[in-house]
């Protein structure tokens, strides 16, 4: 398998390099819906590390194509947001399938290490601000340049999520109540922007100096920009550091300071919390999608099966926020 993959990588990269030899090909574990590989290119006397991202099995009904992800990353890169540079793109009919290659960015993505390792102590103090600024830069990408992405209002997102949820015929009372509650809420009348859709720990690269890159754009769309701010506040992305609402490392006031340093806004804490509740429900439904992909034999994997236990975690978080005054 590796030899065939190396050959296909070399054929794609010949468009960018005169002579290419792929070495040090390594599968990076941790993705339930995508394959991620790290490899090195030798071209003449130069050696450089790269990342291959490609679809794994049947894609989520909420995800865009890898080729579409790559185009968005190119636009965001041009606007100065922290994102890896795209090198090559393959379509779904190619030997590589739906995939893209980007430059490797040195740093850490594992939440536990970012939140607990001593070497990130200083980074954590400013990370909420940096994330806010990065989100604002993403939102400044002119949407007229973004081709093919759907416009999704809050109602569209709720309806799409509800359809996915109902398809499993696995009713959950907490989810049922939250869907009804969300239909009555104020999501903020913001101008629509490019939305990353999955901005959180695990999808950012951090080193000892701070935020290096934003990755994993499969849930990108055009919509209300507050969604990205609410998503990083979901308790599931705090990884046990629940007192720090933003990603387990910061507070909303610092997130908004970073956002305001790039883009003027009138976003309120209440609107962020509404999107946070939506995000918690959304993650619960995504967990159901991953779990049932395993249960029905479509994409058997231990990772997908393990994600099933997290459905109950989102139920607890929703009860806490809706009835107990939790953050």
C-alpha atoms as a PDB file:
ATOM      1  CA  UNK A   1       0.000   0.000   0.000  1.00  0.00           C
ATOM      2  CA  UNK A   2       2.752   2.441   0.941  1.00  0.00           C
ATOM      3  CA  UNK A   3       4.634   1.893  -2.321  1.00  0.00           C
ATOM      4  CA  UNK A   4       1.524   2.571  -4.375  1.00  0.00           C
ATOM      5  CA  UNK A   5       0.776   5.669  -2.305  1.00  0.00           C
ATOM      6  CA  UNK A   6       4.337   6.945  -2.776  1.00  0.00           C
ATOM      7  CA  UNK A   7       4.035   6.480  -6.535  1.00  0.00           C
ATOM      8  CA  UNK A   8       0.713   8.340  -6.685  1.00  0.00           C
ATOM      9  CA  UNK A   9       2.109  11.175  -4.566  1.00  0.00           C
ATOM     10  CA  UNK A  10       5.163  11.505  -6.793  1.00  0.00           C
ATOM     11  CA  UNK A  11       3.006  11.607  -9.934  1.00  0.00           C
ATOM     12  CA  UNK A  12       0.839  14.397  -8.511  1.00  0.00           C
ATOM     13  CA  UNK A  13       3.830  16.407  -7.286  1.00  0.00           C
ATOM     14  CA  UNK A  14       5.669  16.260 -10.610  1.00  0.00           C
ATOM     15  CA  UNK A  15       3.510  19.196 -11.659  1.00  0.00           C
ATOM     16  CA  UNK A  16       5.253  21.302  -8.994  1.00  0.00           C
ATOM     17  CA  UNK A  17       8.766  19.833  -8.938  1.00  0.00           C
ATOM     18  CA  UNK A  18      11.082  18.703 -11.717  1.00  0.00           C
ATOM     19  CA  UNK A  19      12.188  15.533  -9.958  1.00  0.00           C
ATOM     20  CA  UNK A  20      10.475  14.174  -6.877  1.00  0.00           C
ATOM     21  CA  UNK A  21      11.213  11.330  -4.492  1.00  0.00           C
ATOM     22  CA  UNK A  22       8.804  10.688  -1.613  1.00  0.00           C
ATOM     23  CA  UNK A  23      10.389   9.288   1.557  1.00  0.00           C
ATOM     24  CA  UNK A  24       9.586   8.896   5.272  1.00  0.00           C
ATOM     25  CA  UNK A  25       5.902   8.225   4.566  1.00  0.00           C
ATOM     26  CA  UNK A  26       4.094   7.984   7.912  1.00  0.00           C
ATOM     27  CA  UNK A  27       0.407   7.511   8.732  1.00  0.00           C
ATOM     28  CA  UNK A  28      -0.779   9.921  11.419  1.00  0.00           C
ATOM     29  CA  UNK A  29      -3.547   8.382  13.513  1.00  0.00           C
ATOM     30  CA  UNK A  30      -6.376  10.244  15.219  1.00  0.00           C
ATOM     31  CA  UNK A  31      -8.798  11.012  12.376  1.00  0.00           C
ATOM     32  CA  UNK A  32     -12.151   9.247  12.243  1.00  0.00           C
ATOM     33  CA  UNK A  33     -13.267  10.484   8.818  1.00  0.00           C
ATOM     34  CA  UNK A  34     -10.024  11.281   6.985  1.00  0.00           C
ATOM     35  CA  UNK A  35      -6.578   9.876   6.333  1.00  0.00           C
ATOM     36  CA  UNK A  36      -3.619  12.065   7.233  1.00  0.00           C
ATOM     37  CA  UNK A  37      -0.093  11.193   6.122  1.00  0.00           C
ATOM     38  CA  UNK A  38       3.211  12.939   6.715  1.00  0.00           C
ATOM     39  CA  UNK A  39       6.021  12.517   4.210  1.00  0.00           C
ATOM     40  CA  UNK A  40       9.215  14.095   2.970  1.00  0.00           C
ATOM     41  CA  UNK A  41      10.046  15.267  -0.529  1.00  0.00           C
ATOM     42  CA  UNK A  42      13.566  15.107  -1.858  1.00  0.00           C
ATOM     43  CA  UNK A  43      14.054  17.338  -4.893  1.00  0.00           C
ATOM     44  CA  UNK A  44      17.709  17.686  -5.796  1.00  0.00           C
ATOM     45  CA  UNK A  45      19.574  18.480  -2.590  1.00  0.00           C
ATOM     46  CA  UNK A  46      16.484  19.942  -0.892  1.00  0.00           C
ATOM     47  CA  UNK A  47      14.297  18.071   1.578  1.00  0.00           C
ATOM     48  CA  UNK A  48      10.991  19.309   2.939  1.00  0.00           C
ATOM     49  CA  UNK A  49       8.110  17.842   4.980  1.00  0.00           C
ATOM     50  CA  UNK A  50       4.530  17.768   3.700  1.00  0.00           C
ATOM     51  CA  UNK A  51       1.084  16.528   4.737  1.00  0.00           C
ATOM     52  CA  UNK A  52      -1.409  14.541   2.650  1.00  0.00           C
ATOM     53  CA  UNK A  53      -5.066  14.821   3.615  1.00  0.00           C
ATOM     54  CA  UNK A  54      -7.601  12.605   1.880  1.00  0.00           C
ATOM     55  CA  UNK A  55     -11.108  11.301   2.410  1.00  0.00           C
ATOM     56  CA  UNK A  56     -11.539   8.031   4.296  1.00  0.00           C
ATOM     57  CA  UNK A  57     -14.484   5.881   3.241  1.00  0.00           C
ATOM     58  CA  UNK A  58     -17.860   7.575   2.958  1.00  0.00           C
ATOM     59  CA  UNK A  59     -17.719  11.246   3.876  1.00  0.00           C
ATOM     60  CA  UNK A  60     -19.899  12.864   6.515  1.00  0.00           C
ATOM     61  CA  UNK A  61     -23.102  14.428   5.111  1.00  0.00           C
ATOM     62  CA  UNK A  62     -21.945  17.663   6.776  1.00  0.00           C
ATOM     63  CA  UNK A  63     -18.482  17.726   5.121  1.00  0.00           C
ATOM     64  CA  UNK A  64     -17.240  19.349   1.904  1.00  0.00           C
ATOM     65  CA  UNK A  65     -14.782  17.743  -0.518  1.00  0.00           C
ATOM     66  CA  UNK A  66     -11.052  17.845   0.160  1.00  0.00           C
ATOM     67  CA  UNK A  67     -10.535  19.694  -3.129  1.00  0.00           C
ATOM     68  CA  UNK A  68     -12.941  22.378  -1.874  1.00  0.00           C
ATOM     69  CA  UNK A  69     -11.084  22.548   1.441  1.00  0.00           C
ATOM     70  CA  UNK A  70      -7.847  23.150  -0.435  1.00  0.00           C
ATOM     71  CA  UNK A  71      -9.287  26.043  -2.433  1.00  0.00           C
ATOM     72  CA  UNK A  72     -10.555  27.691   0.747  1.00  0.00           C
ATOM     73  CA  UNK A  73      -7.172  27.299   2.402  1.00  0.00           C
ATOM     74  CA  UNK A  74      -5.547  28.990  -0.575  1.00  0.00           C
ATOM     75  CA  UNK A  75      -7.887  31.969  -0.241  1.00  0.00           C
ATOM     76  CA  UNK A  76      -7.371  32.218   3.506  1.00  0.00           C
ATOM     77  CA  UNK A  77      -3.600  31.961   3.053  1.00  0.00           C
ATOM     78  CA  UNK A  78      -3.662  34.896   0.618  1.00  0.00           C
ATOM     79  CA  UNK A  79      -5.551  36.980   3.182  1.00  0.00           C
ATOM     80  CA  UNK A  80      -2.802  36.484   5.765  1.00  0.00           C
ATOM     81  CA  UNK A  81      -4.593  34.123   8.124  1.00  0.00           C
ATOM     82  CA  UNK A  82      -2.424  31.400   9.700  1.00  0.00           C
ATOM     83  CA  UNK A  83      -2.963  28.360   7.498  1.00  0.00           C
ATOM     84  CA  UNK A  84      -0.609  25.828   5.820  1.00  0.00           C
ATOM     85  CA  UNK A  85       0.251  26.531   2.193  1.00  0.00           C
ATOM     86  CA  UNK A  86      -1.459  24.210  -0.309  1.00  0.00           C
ATOM     87  CA  UNK A  87       0.934  22.542  -2.771  1.00  0.00           C
ATOM     88  CA  UNK A  88      -1.230  20.205  -4.874  1.00  0.00           C
ATOM     89  CA  UNK A  89      -4.830  18.978  -5.176  1.00  0.00           C
ATOM     90  CA  UNK A  90      -6.251  15.673  -6.455  1.00  0.00           C
ATOM     91  CA  UNK A  91      -9.879  15.096  -7.432  1.00  0.00           C
ATOM     92  CA  UNK A  92     -12.022  12.131  -6.398  1.00  0.00           C
ATOM     93  CA  UNK A  93     -11.418  10.315  -9.712  1.00  0.00           C
ATOM     94  CA  UNK A  94      -7.619  10.400  -9.381  1.00  0.00           C
ATOM     95  CA  UNK A  95      -5.518   7.495  -8.004  1.00  0.00           C
ATOM     96  CA  UNK A  96      -5.237   9.402  -4.707  1.00  0.00           C
ATOM     97  CA  UNK A  97      -8.943  10.096  -4.569  1.00  0.00           C
ATOM     98  CA  UNK A  98     -10.284  13.327  -3.115  1.00  0.00           C
ATOM     99  CA  UNK A  99      -7.135  14.759  -1.511  1.00  0.00           C
ATOM    100  CA  UNK A 100      -4.689  17.616  -1.158  1.00  0.00           C
ATOM    101  CA  UNK A 101      -1.071  18.153  -0.154  1.00  0.00           C
ATOM    102  CA  UNK A 102       0.058  21.026   2.054  1.00  0.00           C
ATOM    103  CA  UNK A 103       3.285  22.139   3.663  1.00  0.00           C
ATOM    104  CA  UNK A 104       4.017  20.672   7.073  1.00  0.00           C
ATOM    105  CA  UNK A 105       3.787  23.137   9.970  1.00  0.00           C
ATOM    106  CA  UNK A 106       5.839  22.282  13.055  1.00  0.00           C
ATOM    107  CA  UNK A 107       3.911  22.363  16.322  1.00  0.00           C
ATOM    108  CA  UNK A 108       1.417  20.602  18.561  1.00  0.00           C
ATOM    109  CA  UNK A 109      -2.253  19.751  17.962  1.00  0.00           C
ATOM    110  CA  UNK A 110      -2.945  17.423  20.901  1.00  0.00           C
ATOM    111  CA  UNK A 111      -5.208  19.286  23.317  1.00  0.00           C
ATOM    112  CA  UNK A 112      -3.944  17.570  26.463  1.00  0.00           C
ATOM    113  CA  UNK A 113      -0.392  18.720  25.772  1.00  0.00           C
ATOM    114  CA  UNK A 114      -1.358  22.281  24.838  1.00  0.00           C
ATOM    115  CA  UNK A 115      -3.489  22.633  27.983  1.00  0.00           C
ATOM    116  CA  UNK A 116      -1.112  20.992  30.459  1.00  0.00           C
ATOM    117  CA  UNK A 117       2.514  20.970  29.313  1.00  0.00           C
ATOM    118  CA  UNK A 118       4.719  23.521  31.062  1.00  0.00           C
ATOM    119  CA  UNK A 119       6.324  24.721  27.824  1.00  0.00           C
ATOM    120  CA  UNK A 120       2.948  26.175  26.740  1.00  0.00           C
ATOM    121  CA  UNK A 121       2.339  28.128  29.975  1.00  0.00           C
ATOM    122  CA  UNK A 122       3.036  31.528  28.399  1.00  0.00           C
ATOM    123  CA  UNK A 123       1.295  30.615  25.147  1.00  0.00           C
ATOM    124  CA  UNK A 124      -1.967  29.776  26.932  1.00  0.00           C
ATOM    125  CA  UNK A 125      -2.145  33.285  28.413  1.00  0.00           C
ATOM    126  CA  UNK A 126      -2.476  34.879  24.971  1.00  0.00           C
ATOM    127  CA  UNK A 127      -3.994  32.024  22.965  1.00  0.00           C
ATOM    128  CA  UNK A 128      -7.631  33.152  23.275  1.00  0.00           C
ATOM    129  CA  UNK A 129      -6.663  36.561  21.860  1.00  0.00           C
ATOM    130  CA  UNK A 130      -4.694  34.930  19.025  1.00  0.00           C
ATOM    131  CA  UNK A 131      -7.604  32.625  18.192  1.00  0.00           C
ATOM    132  CA  UNK A 132      -9.983  35.582  18.093  1.00  0.00           C
ATOM    133  CA  UNK A 133      -7.667  37.433  15.698  1.00  0.00           C
ATOM    134  CA  UNK A 134      -7.260  34.346  13.476  1.00  0.00           C
ATOM    135  CA  UNK A 135     -11.032  33.821  13.322  1.00  0.00           C
ATOM    136  CA  UNK A 136     -11.517  37.469  12.331  1.00  0.00           C
ATOM    137  CA  UNK A 137      -8.962  37.110   9.502  1.00  0.00           C
ATOM    138  CA  UNK A 138     -10.832  34.069   8.203  1.00  0.00           C
ATOM    139  CA  UNK A 139     -14.076  36.049   8.280  1.00  0.00           C
ATOM    140  CA  UNK A 140     -12.499  38.862   6.242  1.00  0.00           C
ATOM    141  CA  UNK A 141     -12.016  36.645   3.175  1.00  0.00           C
ATOM    142  CA  UNK A 142     -14.260  38.172   0.458  1.00  0.00           C
ATOM    143  CA  UNK A 143     -17.098  35.685   0.013  1.00  0.00           C
ATOM    144  CA  UNK A 144     -17.355  36.549  -3.688  1.00  0.00           C
ATOM    145  CA  UNK A 145     -14.043  34.686  -4.076  1.00  0.00           C
ATOM    146  CA  UNK A 146     -15.380  31.569  -2.376  1.00  0.00           C
ATOM    147  CA  UNK A 147     -16.941  29.291  -4.969  1.00  0.00           C
ATOM    148  CA  UNK A 148     -19.326  26.428  -4.351  1.00  0.00           C
ATOM    149  CA  UNK A 149     -19.938  26.785  -0.621  1.00  0.00           C
ATOM    150  CA  UNK A 150     -23.499  26.812   0.628  1.00  0.00           C
ATOM    151  CA  UNK A 151     -25.021  29.785   2.428  1.00  0.00           C
ATOM    152  CA  UNK A 152     -26.316  28.445   5.730  1.00  0.00           C
ATOM    153  CA  UNK A 153     -28.466  30.512   8.061  1.00  0.00           C
ATOM    154  CA  UNK A 154     -28.977  29.432  11.662  1.00  0.00           C
ATOM    155  CA  UNK A 155     -32.316  27.939  10.600  1.00  0.00           C
ATOM    156  CA  UNK A 156     -30.631  26.048   7.734  1.00  0.00           C
ATOM    157  CA  UNK A 157     -28.018  24.629  10.114  1.00  0.00           C
ATOM    158  CA  UNK A 158     -30.635  23.573  12.663  1.00  0.00           C
ATOM    159  CA  UNK A 159     -32.805  21.950   9.968  1.00  0.00           C
ATOM    160  CA  UNK A 160     -29.829  20.129   8.432  1.00  0.00           C
ATOM    161  CA  UNK A 161     -28.759  18.900  11.856  1.00  0.00           C
ATOM    162  CA  UNK A 162     -32.296  17.812  12.712  1.00  0.00           C
ATOM    163  CA  UNK A 163     -32.602  15.839   9.463  1.00  0.00           C
ATOM    164  CA  UNK A 164     -29.335  14.013  10.211  1.00  0.00           C
ATOM    165  CA  UNK A 165     -30.483  13.337  13.780  1.00  0.00           C
ATOM    166  CA  UNK A 166     -33.904  11.992  12.729  1.00  0.00           C
ATOM    167  CA  UNK A 167     -32.358   9.658  10.141  1.00  0.00           C
ATOM    168  CA  UNK A 168     -31.005   7.398  12.899  1.00  0.00           C
ATOM    169  CA  UNK A 169     -34.434   6.919  14.532  1.00  0.00           C
ATOM    170  CA  UNK A 170     -32.745   7.093  17.916  1.00  0.00           C
ATOM    171  CA  UNK A 171     -34.711   9.730  19.888  1.00  0.00           C
ATOM    172  CA  UNK A 172     -32.947  11.497  22.757  1.00  0.00           C
ATOM    173  CA  UNK A 173     -35.156  13.726  24.972  1.00  0.00           C
ATOM    174  CA  UNK A 174     -32.425  16.301  25.678  1.00  0.00           C
ATOM    175  CA  UNK A 175     -31.732  16.701  21.960  1.00  0.00           C
ATOM    176  CA  UNK A 176     -35.456  16.961  21.198  1.00  0.00           C
ATOM    177  CA  UNK A 177     -35.853  19.794  23.723  1.00  0.00           C
ATOM    178  CA  UNK A 178     -32.738  21.634  22.510  1.00  0.00           C
ATOM    179  CA  UNK A 179     -33.889  21.599  18.882  1.00  0.00           C
ATOM    180  CA  UNK A 180     -37.153  23.239  19.950  1.00  0.00           C
ATOM    181  CA  UNK A 181     -35.352  25.752  22.202  1.00  0.00           C
ATOM    182  CA  UNK A 182     -32.938  26.822  19.459  1.00  0.00           C
ATOM    183  CA  UNK A 183     -35.749  27.696  17.058  1.00  0.00           C
ATOM    184  CA  UNK A 184     -36.788  30.533  19.398  1.00  0.00           C
ATOM    185  CA  UNK A 185     -33.345  32.094  19.957  1.00  0.00           C
ATOM    186  CA  UNK A 186     -31.477  35.189  18.726  1.00  0.00           C
ATOM    187  CA  UNK A 187     -28.373  34.115  16.802  1.00  0.00           C
ATOM    188  CA  UNK A 188     -27.303  37.680  15.980  1.00  0.00           C
ATOM    189  CA  UNK A 189     -27.936  39.535  12.717  1.00  0.00           C
ATOM    190  CA  UNK A 190     -24.354  39.530  11.465  1.00  0.00           C
ATOM    191  CA  UNK A 191     -23.291  39.904   7.845  1.00  0.00           C
ATOM    192  CA  UNK A 192     -22.538  36.478   6.399  1.00  0.00           C
ATOM    193  CA  UNK A 193     -18.862  35.514   6.073  1.00  0.00           C
ATOM    194  CA  UNK A 194     -16.684  32.521   5.368  1.00  0.00           C
ATOM    195  CA  UNK A 195     -17.031  30.332   8.472  1.00  0.00           C
ATOM    196  CA  UNK A 196     -14.403  27.707   9.337  1.00  0.00           C
ATOM    197  CA  UNK A 197     -17.043  25.575  11.037  1.00  0.00           C
ATOM    198  CA  UNK A 198     -14.675  23.562  13.255  1.00  0.00           C
ATOM    199  CA  UNK A 199     -12.296  26.056  14.894  1.00  0.00           C
ATOM    200  CA  UNK A 200     -11.142  24.384  18.149  1.00  0.00           C
ATOM    201  CA  UNK A 201      -8.269  22.632  19.885  1.00  0.00           C
ATOM    202  CA  UNK A 202      -7.306  19.708  17.678  1.00  0.00           C
ATOM    203  CA  UNK A 203      -7.716  21.838  14.560  1.00  0.00           C
ATOM    204  CA  UNK A 204      -5.083  24.440  15.416  1.00  0.00           C
ATOM    205  CA  UNK A 205      -1.310  24.016  15.527  1.00  0.00           C
ATOM    206  CA  UNK A 206       0.488  25.662  18.449  1.00  0.00           C
ATOM    207  CA  UNK A 207       4.175  25.952  19.324  1.00  0.00           C
ATOM    208  CA  UNK A 208       6.071  27.643  22.168  1.00  0.00           C
ATOM    209  CA  UNK A 209       5.549  31.005  20.466  1.00  0.00           C
ATOM    210  CA  UNK A 210       1.780  30.765  19.942  1.00  0.00           C
ATOM    211  CA  UNK A 211      -0.761  29.917  17.241  1.00  0.00           C
ATOM    212  CA  UNK A 212       0.937  28.680  14.066  1.00  0.00           C
ATOM    213  CA  UNK A 213      -1.856  27.391  11.826  1.00  0.00           C
ATOM    214  CA  UNK A 214      -5.554  26.581  11.451  1.00  0.00           C
ATOM    215  CA  UNK A 215      -6.298  23.227   9.818  1.00  0.00           C
ATOM    216  CA  UNK A 216      -9.208  20.899   8.908  1.00  0.00           C
ATOM    217  CA  UNK A 217     -11.666  22.931   6.833  1.00  0.00           C
ATOM    218  CA  UNK A 218     -14.148  20.180   5.963  1.00  0.00           C
ATOM    219  CA  UNK A 219     -17.092  21.930   7.674  1.00  0.00           C
ATOM    220  CA  UNK A 220     -16.502  25.351   6.071  1.00  0.00           C
ATOM    221  CA  UNK A 221     -19.508  27.276   4.740  1.00  0.00           C
ATOM    222  CA  UNK A 222     -20.918  30.772   4.346  1.00  0.00           C
ATOM    223  CA  UNK A 223     -22.883  31.925   7.356  1.00  0.00           C
ATOM    224  CA  UNK A 224     -23.062  33.826  10.632  1.00  0.00           C
ATOM    225  CA  UNK A 225     -19.495  34.444  11.881  1.00  0.00           C
ATOM    226  CA  UNK A 226     -20.500  34.104  15.556  1.00  0.00           C
ATOM    227  CA  UNK A 227     -20.726  30.360  14.926  1.00  0.00           C
ATOM    228  CA  UNK A 228     -16.923  30.033  15.018  1.00  0.00           C
ATOM    229  CA  UNK A 229     -16.743  31.977  18.297  1.00  0.00           C
ATOM    230  CA  UNK A 230     -19.415  29.817  19.909  1.00  0.00           C
ATOM    231  CA  UNK A 231     -17.912  26.546  18.688  1.00  0.00           C
ATOM    232  CA  UNK A 232     -14.544  27.015  20.408  1.00  0.00           C
ATOM    233  CA  UNK A 233     -16.463  27.625  23.669  1.00  0.00           C
ATOM    234  CA  UNK A 234     -18.212  24.234  23.609  1.00  0.00           C
ATOM    235  CA  UNK A 235     -17.324  22.296  26.773  1.00  0.00           C
ATOM    236  CA  UNK A 236     -16.229  19.239  24.788  1.00  0.00           C
ATOM    237  CA  UNK A 237     -13.310  21.316  23.444  1.00  0.00           C
ATOM    238  CA  UNK A 238     -12.101  22.321  26.925  1.00  0.00           C
ATOM    239  CA  UNK A 239     -10.837  18.797  27.602  1.00  0.00           C
ATOM    240  CA  UNK A 240     -11.420  18.903  31.339  1.00  0.00           C
ATOM    241  CA  UNK A 241     -10.415  22.553  31.871  1.00  0.00           C
ATOM    242  CA  UNK A 242     -14.053  23.664  32.114  1.00  0.00           C
ATOM    243  CA  UNK A 243     -13.356  26.880  34.048  1.00  0.00           C
ATOM    244  CA  UNK A 244     -11.687  28.305  30.929  1.00  0.00           C
ATOM    245  CA  UNK A 245     -14.616  28.760  28.554  1.00  0.00           C
ATOM    246  CA  UNK A 246     -12.526  29.312  25.411  1.00  0.00           C
ATOM    247  CA  UNK A 247     -10.910  26.021  24.487  1.00  0.00           C
ATOM    248  CA  UNK A 248      -9.921  25.225  28.058  1.00  0.00           C
ATOM    249  CA  UNK A 249      -7.285  27.961  27.994  1.00  0.00           C
ATOM    250  CA  UNK A 250      -8.978  31.383  27.963  1.00  0.00           C
ATOM    251  CA  UNK A 251     -11.991  33.621  28.494  1.00  0.00           C
ATOM    252  CA  UNK A 252     -14.541  35.137  26.122  1.00  0.00           C
ATOM    253  CA  UNK A 253     -13.399  38.713  26.791  1.00  0.00           C
ATOM    254  CA  UNK A 254      -9.929  37.875  25.444  1.00  0.00           C
ATOM    255  CA  UNK A 255     -11.366  36.016  22.461  1.00  0.00           C
ATOM    256  CA  UNK A 256     -13.448  39.096  21.574  1.00  0.00           C
ATOM    257  CA  UNK A 257     -10.475  41.426  22.116  1.00  0.00           C
ATOM    258  CA  UNK A 258      -8.522  39.428  19.563  1.00  0.00           C
ATOM    259  CA  UNK A 259     -11.472  39.430  17.164  1.00  0.00           C
ATOM    260  CA  UNK A 260     -11.951  43.203  17.567  1.00  0.00           C
ATOM    261  CA  UNK A 261      -8.271  43.837  16.853  1.00  0.00           C
ATOM    262  CA  UNK A 262      -8.975  42.765  13.258  1.00  0.00           C
ATOM    263  CA  UNK A 263     -12.692  43.298  12.723  1.00  0.00           C
ATOM    264  CA  UNK A 264     -15.183  45.653  14.354  1.00  0.00           C
ATOM    265  CA  UNK A 265     -18.163  43.819  15.832  1.00  0.00           C
ATOM    266  CA  UNK A 266     -21.176  44.139  18.122  1.00  0.00           C
ATOM    267  CA  UNK A 267     -21.164  40.516  19.259  1.00  0.00           C
ATOM    268  CA  UNK A 268     -22.604  39.830  22.716  1.00  0.00           C
ATOM    269  CA  UNK A 269     -21.822  37.086  25.226  1.00  0.00           C
ATOM    270  CA  UNK A 270     -25.446  35.964  25.029  1.00  0.00           C
ATOM    271  CA  UNK A 271     -25.195  35.416  21.277  1.00  0.00           C
ATOM    272  CA  UNK A 272     -21.977  33.455  21.724  1.00  0.00           C
ATOM    273  CA  UNK A 273     -23.703  31.255  24.325  1.00  0.00           C
ATOM    274  CA  UNK A 274     -26.614  30.584  21.966  1.00  0.00           C
ATOM    275  CA  UNK A 275     -24.134  29.418  19.320  1.00  0.00           C
ATOM    276  CA  UNK A 276     -22.304  27.444  22.020  1.00  0.00           C
ATOM    277  CA  UNK A 277     -25.511  25.568  22.830  1.00  0.00           C
ATOM    278  CA  UNK A 278     -26.079  24.977  19.121  1.00  0.00           C
ATOM    279  CA  UNK A 279     -22.472  23.772  18.855  1.00  0.00           C
ATOM    280  CA  UNK A 280     -22.919  21.343  21.742  1.00  0.00           C
ATOM    281  CA  UNK A 281     -25.986  19.849  20.078  1.00  0.00           C
ATOM    282  CA  UNK A 282     -24.169  19.787  16.751  1.00  0.00           C
ATOM    283  CA  UNK A 283     -21.258  17.859  18.241  1.00  0.00           C
ATOM    284  CA  UNK A 284     -23.713  15.395  19.773  1.00  0.00           C
ATOM    285  CA  UNK A 285     -25.282  14.736  16.368  1.00  0.00           C
ATOM    286  CA  UNK A 286     -21.841  14.431  14.735  1.00  0.00           C
ATOM    287  CA  UNK A 287     -21.020  11.801  17.364  1.00  0.00           C
ATOM    288  CA  UNK A 288     -24.186   9.949  16.335  1.00  0.00           C
ATOM    289  CA  UNK A 289     -23.163  10.128  12.673  1.00  0.00           C
ATOM    290  CA  UNK A 290     -19.738   8.649  13.442  1.00  0.00           C
ATOM    291  CA  UNK A 291     -21.193   5.974  15.723  1.00  0.00           C
ATOM    292  CA  UNK A 292     -23.838   4.756  13.306  1.00  0.00           C
ATOM    293  CA  UNK A 293     -21.293   4.643  10.474  1.00  0.00           C
ATOM    294  CA  UNK A 294     -19.578   2.006  12.594  1.00  0.00           C
ATOM    295  CA  UNK A 295     -22.713   0.237  13.833  1.00  0.00           C
ATOM    296  CA  UNK A 296     -24.209  -0.294  10.381  1.00  0.00           C
ATOM    297  CA  UNK A 297     -20.869  -1.524   9.029  1.00  0.00           C
ATOM    298  CA  UNK A 298     -20.334   1.331   6.598  1.00  0.00           C
ATOM    299  CA  UNK A 299     -16.998   2.385   8.128  1.00  0.00           C
ATOM    300  CA  UNK A 300     -15.991   0.054  10.938  1.00  0.00           C
ATOM    301  CA  UNK A 301     -13.368   1.588  13.202  1.00  0.00           C
ATOM    302  CA  UNK A 302     -12.540   1.681  16.890  1.00  0.00           C
ATOM    303  CA  UNK A 303     -12.328   5.482  16.708  1.00  0.00           C
ATOM    304  CA  UNK A 304     -15.858   5.823  15.364  1.00  0.00           C
ATOM    305  CA  UNK A 305     -17.205   3.372  17.948  1.00  0.00           C
ATOM    306  CA  UNK A 306     -15.466   5.187  20.815  1.00  0.00           C
ATOM    307  CA  UNK A 307     -16.967   8.514  19.773  1.00  0.00           C
ATOM    308  CA  UNK A 308     -20.387   7.067  20.624  1.00  0.00           C
ATOM    309  CA  UNK A 309     -19.830   7.533  24.356  1.00  0.00           C
ATOM    310  CA  UNK A 310     -19.519  11.277  23.831  1.00  0.00           C
ATOM    311  CA  UNK A 311     -23.192  11.607  22.909  1.00  0.00           C
ATOM    312  CA  UNK A 312     -24.091  11.354  26.607  1.00  0.00           C
ATOM    313  CA  UNK A 313     -21.450  13.982  27.454  1.00  0.00           C
ATOM    314  CA  UNK A 314     -23.177  16.491  25.191  1.00  0.00           C
ATOM    315  CA  UNK A 315     -26.529  15.705  26.823  1.00  0.00           C
ATOM    316  CA  UNK A 316     -25.055  16.544  30.237  1.00  0.00           C
ATOM    317  CA  UNK A 317     -23.575  19.801  28.903  1.00  0.00           C
ATOM    318  CA  UNK A 318     -26.901  20.841  27.364  1.00  0.00           C
ATOM    319  CA  UNK A 319     -28.784  20.216  30.610  1.00  0.00           C
ATOM    320  CA  UNK A 320     -26.144  22.220  32.489  1.00  0.00           C
ATOM    321  CA  UNK A 321     -26.405  25.236  30.158  1.00  0.00           C
ATOM    322  CA  UNK A 322     -30.165  25.187  29.609  1.00  0.00           C
ATOM    323  CA  UNK A 323     -31.347  24.487  33.157  1.00  0.00           C
ATOM    324  CA  UNK A 324     -28.490  24.910  35.663  1.00  0.00           C
ATOM    325  CA  UNK A 325     -26.852  28.165  34.558  1.00  0.00           C
ATOM    326  CA  UNK A 326     -23.646  26.487  33.410  1.00  0.00           C
ATOM    327  CA  UNK A 327     -21.070  27.920  31.021  1.00  0.00           C
END
